Amino acid sequence: MNYHILVVEDDLEIQELIKQFLMTQNYTIEVASDGLEGMKRFNSQAFDLILLDVMMPNLNGFEVAKMMRSESSIPIIMLTALEEEQDQMKGFDLGVDDYITKPFSFHVLIRRVQAVLRRSYGNNKENHLSFNELHVDRDGYKAYVDMIEVPLTTKEFDILQLLLHNEKKVLTREIIIEKIWGYDYAGETRMIDTHIKNLRKKLNIPYIKTVKGIGYKIDE
């Protein structure tokens, strides 16, 4: 699955290097340059992991971690130049999942990120699909835009999660019907267009794309 990671780092050069390196691993990355901006992004989108620097203006990393932990159990990895054991213990006491001391190898960073995601989600990530501000809880049959729940019918939800599960792949109307209604459905395939129209209206996002003469996909 495509994990969504927030990098909160005030050193713009390090921030960009982390962003580019993680993107090569097919992660979706958002960045923030101080603690206050990090909290704003955290509160506006659904993320799977936070990479959080400690020494930052406008709320340091410890303050940000404390605020995030009061609202969520999202995995947090702290990035810091501090090597003192008491500082690391402070982070763990706040509930962070791992601690990486600068300077660090980007290959080590990737291994730590992979390990924390694996411990945190295992195979359960399949039950939570995200694309930018759109988030779907497959077990709860709930869809969210900017963390606000959007009521959908059962078929609308099934179509949405099918598109998200096949992110950026074009699905024909026939494939959508086969996956959701079953092989023996004998109705009109154009009814999919009505469901897509309703989804677009309810979600009010630009990511459900029409591929003329073929079908639909989720994409930027």
Protein backbone atom coordinates (compact mmCIF):
# COMPACT_ATOMS: atom_id res chain seq x y z
CA MET A 1 0.00 0.00 0.00
CA ASN A 2 1.00 3.62 -0.50
CA TYR A 3 1.80 4.98 2.98
CA HIS A 4 1.29 8.70 3.63
CA ILE A 5 4.13 10.24 5.68
CA LEU A 6 4.48 13.72 7.21
CA VAL A 7 8.05 15.03 7.57
CA VAL A 8 8.35 17.86 10.12
CA GLU A 9 11.88 19.28 9.76
CA ASP A 10 13.06 22.91 9.88
CA ASP A 11 16.35 22.33 8.03
CA LEU A 12 15.08 22.73 4.45
CA GLU A 13 18.03 20.89 2.91
CA ILE A 14 17.55 17.84 5.15
CA GLN A 15 13.78 18.10 4.68
CA GLU A 16 14.13 17.94 0.90
CA LEU A 17 16.63 15.07 1.02
CA ILE A 18 14.32 13.02 3.26
CA LYS A 19 11.36 13.81 1.02
CA GLN A 20 13.10 12.80 -2.20
CA PHE A 21 14.61 9.65 -0.70
CA LEU A 22 11.29 8.45 0.73
CA MET A 23 9.52 9.19 -2.55
CA THR A 24 11.90 6.79 -4.30
CA GLN A 25 10.41 4.12 -2.03
CA ASN A 26 6.89 4.98 -3.31
CA TYR A 27 5.75 6.76 -0.13
CA THR A 28 3.50 9.81 -0.41
CA ILE A 29 5.23 12.67 1.41
CA GLU A 30 4.02 15.94 2.92
CA VAL A 31 6.43 18.35 4.63
CA ALA A 32 6.28 21.03 7.31
CA SER A 33 9.06 23.42 8.32
CA ASP A 34 8.22 23.99 11.99
CA GLY A 35 6.15 22.52 14.78
CA LEU A 36 3.15 24.79 14.29
CA GLU A 37 2.92 24.01 10.57
CA GLY A 38 3.37 20.33 11.39
CA MET A 39 0.37 20.37 13.71
CA LYS A 40 -1.73 22.19 11.11
CA ARG A 41 -0.96 19.54 8.50
CA PHE A 42 -1.50 16.75 11.02
CA ASN A 43 -4.95 18.12 11.83
CA SER A 44 -5.95 18.58 8.19
CA GLN A 45 -4.99 15.23 6.63
CA ALA A 46 -4.75 11.52 7.45
CA PHE A 47 -1.16 10.25 7.79
CA ASP A 48 0.32 6.83 8.47
CA LEU A 49 3.63 7.98 10.01
CA ILE A 50 5.24 11.16 11.34
CA LEU A 51 8.98 11.90 11.01
CA LEU A 52 9.51 14.61 13.61
CA ASP A 53 12.59 16.76 14.26
CA VAL A 54 13.17 17.80 17.88
CA MET A 55 14.83 21.23 17.70
CA MET A 56 12.37 23.46 15.79
CA PRO A 57 10.85 26.94 16.12
CA ASN A 58 7.15 27.43 16.89
CA LEU A 59 6.74 24.27 19.02
CA ASN A 60 9.64 21.86 19.41
CA GLY A 61 9.38 18.18 18.60
CA PHE A 62 8.62 17.11 22.18
CA GLU A 63 5.70 19.55 22.34
CA VAL A 64 4.41 18.40 18.95
CA ALA A 65 4.71 14.72 19.91
CA LYS A 66 2.77 15.36 23.13
CA MET A 67 -0.02 17.12 21.22
CA MET A 68 -0.19 14.41 18.56
CA ARG A 69 -0.29 11.67 21.18
CA SER A 70 -3.21 13.36 22.92
CA GLU A 71 -5.21 12.96 19.70
CA SER A 72 -3.84 9.88 17.95
CA SER A 73 -1.76 6.71 18.21
CA ILE A 74 -0.12 7.42 14.85
CA PRO A 75 3.49 6.11 14.66
CA ILE A 76 6.14 8.79 15.32
CA ILE A 77 9.87 8.62 14.63
CA MET A 78 11.88 11.48 16.14
CA LEU A 79 14.89 12.91 14.30
CA THR A 80 17.40 14.73 16.48
CA ALA A 81 20.98 15.83 16.99
CA LEU A 82 20.53 15.19 20.73
CA GLU A 83 22.38 12.10 21.92
CA GLU A 84 21.68 12.39 25.63
CA GLU A 85 19.88 9.35 26.98
CA GLN A 86 17.53 11.52 29.04
CA ASP A 87 16.36 13.30 25.88
CA GLN A 88 15.70 10.01 24.13
CA MET A 89 13.87 8.70 27.19
CA LYS A 90 11.74 11.87 27.19
CA GLY A 91 10.67 11.06 23.63
CA PHE A 92 9.82 7.46 24.48
CA ASP A 93 7.92 8.61 27.58
CA LEU A 94 5.78 10.74 25.26
CA GLY A 95 4.96 7.64 23.24
CA VAL A 96 7.20 7.97 20.16
CA ASP A 97 7.96 4.72 18.37
CA ASP A 98 11.60 5.20 17.43
CA TYR A 99 14.47 7.68 17.68
CA ILE A 100 17.12 8.43 15.01
CA THR A 101 20.15 10.56 15.86
CA LYS A 102 21.59 12.94 13.26
CA PRO A 103 23.62 12.58 11.15
CA PHE A 104 22.03 9.39 9.90
CA SER A 105 22.25 7.15 6.84
CA PHE A 106 19.22 7.41 4.58
CA HIS A 107 19.35 3.65 4.13
CA VAL A 108 19.06 3.26 7.90
CA LEU A 109 16.18 5.76 7.88
CA ILE A 110 14.32 3.65 5.33
CA ARG A 111 14.84 0.48 7.38
CA ARG A 112 13.54 2.23 10.52
CA VAL A 113 10.52 3.59 8.65
CA GLN A 114 9.73 0.16 7.21
CA ALA A 115 10.10 -1.50 10.62
CA VAL A 116 7.80 0.98 12.39
CA LEU A 117 5.16 0.74 9.66
CA ARG A 118 5.32 -3.05 9.76
CA ARG A 119 4.97 -3.13 13.56
CA SER A 120 2.18 -0.56 13.53
CA TYR A 121 0.03 -1.88 10.70
CA GLY A 122 1.12 -5.38 9.74
CA ASN A 123 -1.48 -6.47 7.19
CA ASN A 124 -4.14 -4.15 8.63
CA LYS A 125 -3.08 -1.32 6.33
CA GLU A 126 -5.24 -3.00 3.70
CA ASN A 127 -8.25 -1.87 5.71
CA HIS A 128 -7.35 1.81 5.47
CA LEU A 129 -6.98 3.45 2.06
CA SER A 130 -5.87 7.04 1.58
CA PHE A 131 -5.32 9.43 -1.31
CA ASN A 132 -4.36 12.96 -0.28
CA GLU A 133 -7.24 14.27 1.86
CA LEU A 134 -9.47 11.28 0.99
CA HIS A 135 -9.46 8.44 3.51
CA VAL A 136 -11.48 5.21 3.59
CA ASP A 137 -12.01 2.85 6.52
CA ARG A 138 -12.91 -0.40 4.80
CA ASP A 139 -13.89 -2.22 8.00
CA GLY A 140 -16.11 0.61 9.22
CA TYR A 141 -17.53 1.35 5.76
CA LYS A 142 -16.75 5.03 6.24
CA ALA A 143 -15.26 7.65 3.92
CA TYR A 144 -13.62 10.90 5.02
CA VAL A 145 -12.50 14.07 3.24
CA ASP A 146 -10.22 16.31 5.32
CA MET A 147 -11.12 14.07 8.29
CA ILE A 148 -14.85 14.86 7.91
CA GLU A 149 -17.06 11.82 7.31
CA VAL A 150 -19.01 11.81 4.02
CA PRO A 151 -22.11 9.55 4.03
CA LEU A 152 -22.15 7.19 1.03
CA THR A 153 -24.47 4.44 -0.13
CA THR A 154 -23.10 0.89 0.01
CA LYS A 155 -22.49 0.74 -3.75
CA GLU A 156 -20.88 4.19 -3.81
CA PHE A 157 -18.54 3.09 -1.04
CA ASP A 158 -17.73 -0.19 -2.83
CA ILE A 159 -16.87 1.67 -6.04
CA LEU A 160 -14.73 4.21 -4.17
CA GLN A 161 -12.70 1.61 -2.31
CA LEU A 162 -12.24 -0.41 -5.52
CA LEU A 163 -10.83 2.66 -7.28
CA LEU A 164 -8.57 3.48 -4.31
CA HIS A 165 -7.33 -0.10 -4.05
CA ASN A 166 -6.34 0.16 -7.74
CA GLU A 167 -4.90 3.67 -7.44
CA LYS A 168 -3.95 5.23 -10.83
CA LYS A 169 -5.14 2.12 -12.71
CA VAL A 170 -7.96 2.51 -15.22
CA LEU A 171 -10.96 0.30 -14.40
CA THR A 172 -13.52 -0.35 -17.12
CA ARG A 173 -17.22 -0.22 -16.31
CA GLU A 174 -17.33 -3.98 -16.92
CA ILE A 175 -14.58 -4.64 -14.37
CA ILE A 176 -16.28 -2.43 -11.77
CA ILE A 177 -19.58 -4.28 -12.28
CA GLU A 178 -17.89 -7.68 -12.15
CA LYS A 179 -16.08 -6.85 -8.90
CA ILE A 180 -19.07 -5.29 -7.14
CA TRP A 181 -22.24 -6.78 -8.64
CA GLY A 182 -20.79 -10.13 -9.72
CA TYR A 183 -20.37 -12.09 -12.96
CA ASP A 184 -24.06 -12.73 -13.45
CA TYR A 185 -25.17 -9.08 -13.51
CA ALA A 186 -27.15 -8.43 -16.71
CA GLY A 187 -28.07 -4.76 -16.29
CA GLU A 188 -26.88 -1.60 -18.02
CA THR A 189 -23.20 -0.75 -17.50
CA ARG A 190 -23.90 2.97 -17.79
CA MET A 191 -25.42 2.95 -14.32
CA ILE A 192 -21.80 3.18 -13.13
CA ASP A 193 -21.72 6.72 -14.53
CA THR A 194 -24.56 7.72 -12.21
CA HIS A 195 -22.77 6.31 -9.17
CA ILE A 196 -19.57 8.13 -10.17
CA LYS A 197 -21.50 11.37 -10.63
CA ASN A 198 -22.96 11.01 -7.14
CA LEU A 199 -19.55 10.21 -5.65
CA ARG A 200 -18.01 13.31 -7.20
CA LYS A 201 -20.85 15.48 -5.91
CA LYS A 202 -20.68 14.11 -2.37
CA LEU A 203 -16.89 14.01 -2.02
CA ASN A 204 -16.19 17.26 -3.91
CA ILE A 205 -12.66 16.20 -4.84
CA PRO A 206 -10.96 16.20 -8.27
CA TYR A 207 -9.35 12.74 -8.12
CA ILE A 208 -12.02 10.54 -9.74
CA LYS A 209 -10.98 10.77 -13.38
CA THR A 210 -12.91 9.73 -16.48
CA VAL A 211 -10.87 7.91 -19.14
CA LYS A 212 -12.99 8.55 -22.20
CA GLY A 213 -14.46 5.44 -23.77
CA ILE A 214 -12.90 3.15 -21.16
CA GLY A 215 -13.79 3.81 -17.53
CA TYR A 216 -12.50 5.51 -14.40
CA LYS A 217 -9.49 5.84 -12.12
CA ILE A 218 -8.22 7.63 -9.02
CA ASP A 219 -5.37 9.97 -9.89
CA GLU A 220 -4.03 13.49 -9.36
